[in-house]
Amino acid sequence: MASNYRRQYLAVSPRGAVYGVPTVLIRVLLHGDVWFELDGIEELAAAFELALSELELSDRQDPLAVVVAKFIIELAKEGERDPDKLCQGALSILRQRRG
């Protein structure tokens, strides 16, 4: 039985160009040859927003926000997709490195 389901992916070139997906805040922070399904990007963005809320940051250009986003992306590359776990994992790494 054939499926009509078509996977959609985000492609980020080494220079940071983004292909094949609507704009999502965290996509700006993705770099290198990274591929995520659209659902994965939404989960990354949700985790990023949760982390910013927990840190009481509104400036997405704040160096701390950039560091947290990179931690979220690294955890996602390892396979985690749950926004709460991505957020808490990134905040845990941040605490370890700060303390």
C-alpha atoms as a PDB file:
ATOM      1  CA  MET A   1       0.000   0.000   0.000  1.00  0.00           C
ATOM      2  CA  ALA A   2       1.547   3.307  -1.077  1.00  0.00           C
ATOM      3  CA  SER A   3       1.747   6.171   1.348  1.00  0.00           C
ATOM      4  CA  ASN A   4       1.074   9.764   0.370  1.00  0.00           C
ATOM      5  CA  TYR A   5       3.135  10.948   3.318  1.00  0.00           C
ATOM      6  CA  ARG A   6       6.072  13.013   2.181  1.00  0.00           C
ATOM      7  CA  ARG A   7       8.806  13.940   4.611  1.00  0.00           C
ATOM      8  CA  GLN A   8       9.895  17.546   4.636  1.00  0.00           C
ATOM      9  CA  TYR A   9      13.337  18.539   5.793  1.00  0.00           C
ATOM     10  CA  LEU A  10      15.252  21.651   6.677  1.00  0.00           C
ATOM     11  CA  ALA A  11      18.608  21.919   4.981  1.00  0.00           C
ATOM     12  CA  VAL A  12      21.200  24.354   6.256  1.00  0.00           C
ATOM     13  CA  SER A  13      24.253  24.955   4.116  1.00  0.00           C
ATOM     14  CA  PRO A  14      27.716  25.545   5.614  1.00  0.00           C
ATOM     15  CA  ARG A  15      27.178  29.260   4.997  1.00  0.00           C
ATOM     16  CA  GLY A  16      23.912  29.312   6.911  1.00  0.00           C
ATOM     17  CA  ALA A  17      21.438  29.434   4.024  1.00  0.00           C
ATOM     18  CA  VAL A  18      18.179  27.649   4.833  1.00  0.00           C
ATOM     19  CA  TYR A  19      16.232  25.704   2.214  1.00  0.00           C
ATOM     20  CA  GLY A  20      12.780  24.144   2.042  1.00  0.00           C
ATOM     21  CA  VAL A  21      11.075  25.356   5.211  1.00  0.00           C
ATOM     22  CA  PRO A  22       9.207  28.357   6.562  1.00  0.00           C
ATOM     23  CA  THR A  23      11.195  30.671   8.813  1.00  0.00           C
ATOM     24  CA  VAL A  24      11.580  29.482  12.403  1.00  0.00           C
ATOM     25  CA  LEU A  25      13.501  31.470  15.012  1.00  0.00           C
ATOM     26  CA  ILE A  26      15.983  28.766  15.944  1.00  0.00           C
ATOM     27  CA  ARG A  27      16.872  28.118  12.287  1.00  0.00           C
ATOM     28  CA  VAL A  28      19.059  31.202  12.414  1.00  0.00           C
ATOM     29  CA  LEU A  29      21.253  29.403  14.921  1.00  0.00           C
ATOM     30  CA  LEU A  30      21.568  26.195  12.931  1.00  0.00           C
ATOM     31  CA  HIS A  31      24.814  25.936  11.030  1.00  0.00           C
ATOM     32  CA  GLY A  32      26.719  23.392   8.981  1.00  0.00           C
ATOM     33  CA  ASP A  33      25.156  20.592   7.000  1.00  0.00           C
ATOM     34  CA  VAL A  34      22.305  19.832   9.416  1.00  0.00           C
ATOM     35  CA  TRP A  35      19.032  18.164   8.400  1.00  0.00           C
ATOM     36  CA  PHE A  36      15.908  18.089  10.569  1.00  0.00           C
ATOM     37  CA  GLU A  37      12.340  17.216   9.650  1.00  0.00           C
ATOM     38  CA  LEU A  38       9.892  20.108   9.957  1.00  0.00           C
ATOM     39  CA  ASP A  39       8.396  18.580  13.098  1.00  0.00           C
ATOM     40  CA  GLY A  40      11.893  18.490  14.559  1.00  0.00           C
ATOM     41  CA  ILE A  41      12.405  22.179  13.868  1.00  0.00           C
ATOM     42  CA  GLU A  42       9.133  22.987  15.619  1.00  0.00           C
ATOM     43  CA  GLU A  43      10.280  20.941  18.625  1.00  0.00           C
ATOM     44  CA  LEU A  44      13.654  22.723  18.659  1.00  0.00           C
ATOM     45  CA  ALA A  45      11.912  26.089  18.507  1.00  0.00           C
ATOM     46  CA  ALA A  46       9.556  25.101  21.341  1.00  0.00           C
ATOM     47  CA  ALA A  47      12.505  23.956  23.481  1.00  0.00           C
ATOM     48  CA  PHE A  48      14.332  27.200  22.720  1.00  0.00           C
ATOM     49  CA  GLU A  49      11.311  29.293  23.707  1.00  0.00           C
ATOM     50  CA  LEU A  50      10.924  27.277  26.931  1.00  0.00           C
ATOM     51  CA  ALA A  51      14.591  27.813  27.787  1.00  0.00           C
ATOM     52  CA  LEU A  52      14.383  31.544  27.094  1.00  0.00           C
ATOM     53  CA  SER A  53      11.353  31.729  29.351  1.00  0.00           C
ATOM     54  CA  GLU A  54      13.116  29.840  32.154  1.00  0.00           C
ATOM     55  CA  LEU A  55      16.140  32.114  31.836  1.00  0.00           C
ATOM     56  CA  GLU A  56      13.876  35.180  31.583  1.00  0.00           C
ATOM     57  CA  LEU A  57      15.557  36.209  28.339  1.00  0.00           C
ATOM     58  CA  SER A  58      13.689  38.069  25.627  1.00  0.00           C
ATOM     59  CA  ASP A  59      16.677  38.990  23.451  1.00  0.00           C
ATOM     60  CA  ARG A  60      17.344  36.103  21.086  1.00  0.00           C
ATOM     61  CA  GLN A  61      20.676  37.700  20.169  1.00  0.00           C
ATOM     62  CA  ASP A  62      21.885  37.563  23.781  1.00  0.00           C
ATOM     63  CA  PRO A  63      25.061  35.432  23.907  1.00  0.00           C
ATOM     64  CA  LEU A  64      23.474  33.222  26.573  1.00  0.00           C
ATOM     65  CA  ALA A  65      20.477  32.552  24.289  1.00  0.00           C
ATOM     66  CA  VAL A  66      22.839  31.567  21.480  1.00  0.00           C
ATOM     67  CA  VAL A  67      24.721  29.162  23.755  1.00  0.00           C
ATOM     68  CA  VAL A  68      21.485  27.553  24.959  1.00  0.00           C
ATOM     69  CA  ALA A  69      20.248  27.173  21.378  1.00  0.00           C
ATOM     70  CA  LYS A  70      23.487  25.430  20.436  1.00  0.00           C
ATOM     71  CA  PHE A  71      23.067  23.019  23.371  1.00  0.00           C
ATOM     72  CA  ILE A  72      19.491  22.287  22.240  1.00  0.00           C
ATOM     73  CA  ILE A  73      20.682  21.627  18.703  1.00  0.00           C
ATOM     74  CA  GLU A  74      23.431  19.280  19.927  1.00  0.00           C
ATOM     75  CA  LEU A  75      20.948  17.315  22.038  1.00  0.00           C
ATOM     76  CA  ALA A  76      18.607  17.091  19.047  1.00  0.00           C
ATOM     77  CA  LYS A  77      21.445  15.787  16.875  1.00  0.00           C
ATOM     78  CA  GLU A  78      21.821  12.989  19.435  1.00  0.00           C
ATOM     79  CA  GLY A  79      18.179  12.056  18.849  1.00  0.00           C
ATOM     80  CA  GLU A  80      16.173  13.810  21.568  1.00  0.00           C
ATOM     81  CA  ARG A  81      12.992  15.452  20.265  1.00  0.00           C
ATOM     82  CA  ASP A  82      10.889  16.177  23.354  1.00  0.00           C
ATOM     83  CA  PRO A  83      10.886  19.988  23.843  1.00  0.00           C
ATOM     84  CA  ASP A  84      10.791  19.723  27.652  1.00  0.00           C
ATOM     85  CA  LYS A  85      13.736  17.313  27.701  1.00  0.00           C
ATOM     86  CA  LEU A  86      15.662  19.413  25.195  1.00  0.00           C
ATOM     87  CA  CYS A  87      15.076  22.522  27.304  1.00  0.00           C
ATOM     88  CA  GLN A  88      15.991  20.876  30.603  1.00  0.00           C
ATOM     89  CA  GLY A  89      19.003  19.134  29.057  1.00  0.00           C
ATOM     90  CA  ALA A  90      20.326  22.404  27.645  1.00  0.00           C
ATOM     91  CA  LEU A  91      19.797  24.202  30.957  1.00  0.00           C
ATOM     92  CA  SER A  92      21.529  21.358  32.792  1.00  0.00           C
ATOM     93  CA  ILE A  93      24.567  21.599  30.490  1.00  0.00           C
ATOM     94  CA  LEU A  94      24.593  25.361  30.998  1.00  0.00           C
ATOM     95  CA  ARG A  95      24.566  24.956  34.806  1.00  0.00           C
ATOM     96  CA  GLN A  96      27.398  22.416  34.649  1.00  0.00           C
ATOM     97  CA  ARG A  97      29.567  24.681  32.547  1.00  0.00           C
ATOM     98  CA  ARG A  98      28.852  27.801  34.585  1.00  0.00           C
ATOM     99  CA  GLY A  99      29.395  26.228  37.961  1.00  0.00           C
END
